[in-house]
Amino acid sequence: MSPQPAASSAEGCLTQLRFWGVRGSVPSPGPATVRYGGNTSCLEVRGDGEIVILDAGTGLRLLGRALMSEFAERCLKLTLLLTHTHWDHIQGLPFFLPLLRPENELRILGYEGARLGLDNLLISQMESPFFPIGMRELDGNIRVEELKELEFRVGRIRVTATHANHPGKCMGYRLFTSAGSIAFFPDNEPPLGRKRWELADDEGLAQAEREHQKMVAFLQGTEVLVMDAQYDRQEYEQRAGWGHGCVEDVVSLAIEAGVSQLVLFHHDPDHDDETIDRMTAEARQFAVGLGGTLQIEAAQEGTTINLPK
């Protein structure tokens, strides 16, 4: 995985995944995080004539600037898929420059995650006294849709969704393009990992196994899996049940599901570049010990993955 220029358009059989924000919880800029990046969750997928954005963390601001520069006066039609509405996944939306132009269209899709609904929640974060301009005052054409089904389409891209193991209502997505599939679980704790530390009763373990097998089936054969791998094993012992993944559990899950490439995501804000280097190396070593051929990288701002390779 290496830095490459963004695609000039969304057309063609090539599918490209680009990382704009890779952190969890809170932005963490500074010299210790400059290599992997300090912005929160935001990915861009281009393929089959579509530009799909995954999450609207602070990385969305950088994506907006790049899109405005690339497309100049041309109309932008974008789709934003929200996994959930925790702040690190929506806080970039008020700073997304394409929303300042009336010819641009943004379709925001997500699931009910608040008592007042998805539309009202997104509007409320831009209300006074939190923000000087309301979302309805922006010039762009914004359409918010609260999803009810677990399968839908974005143009020619088929999308499936399933529940992630994270506090509140949190989803993960799998995008099926003509070049392959991409799965995105930025906040997720593999259920067997948590149960091993917290539960010893047969009923609890059986339920965790059912949840695990459901996830394995959902991910089966995925070309690229981007998944929360925030903790190493020692950290996870102190944070089981927080809704975030342990690297070893994520690697095991990916191998069992026959994933081709795993991208470690949702880096802890207290993890510097050297810590992420170490965790990535340990993940690769662990995968070798399991006898898998899984490719493993750590998500890094500005890098791209192309399908097919």
Foldseek 3Di string as FASTA:
>chain_A
DFFDDDDLFLDDAKKKKAFQAFAPDAFFDDDQAVWQHRWFDWMWIGYPRAIEIEFQALSLLVVLVVVCVSQPPDEAEYEYEYQAVDCRRHVNVVNRVSQQAQRYEYEYEYAAFDPVGDVVVNQVCCDPPNHDDTSVRHNYHYHYDHDDAQWDDDNPKIKGKDAAQAPTTGIKIWIQHSQFIEIEAQWHAQLQVLCVLPHDDPVSNVVSVVVLVVVLVVLAPHAEYEHFQAAEPVVCSVVRPNRGYHLLVVLVSCQSRVYAEYEHGNYYSPDGPVNQVVSQVVSVVSNVVVVGPYHYYYRGHSHMDMGPD
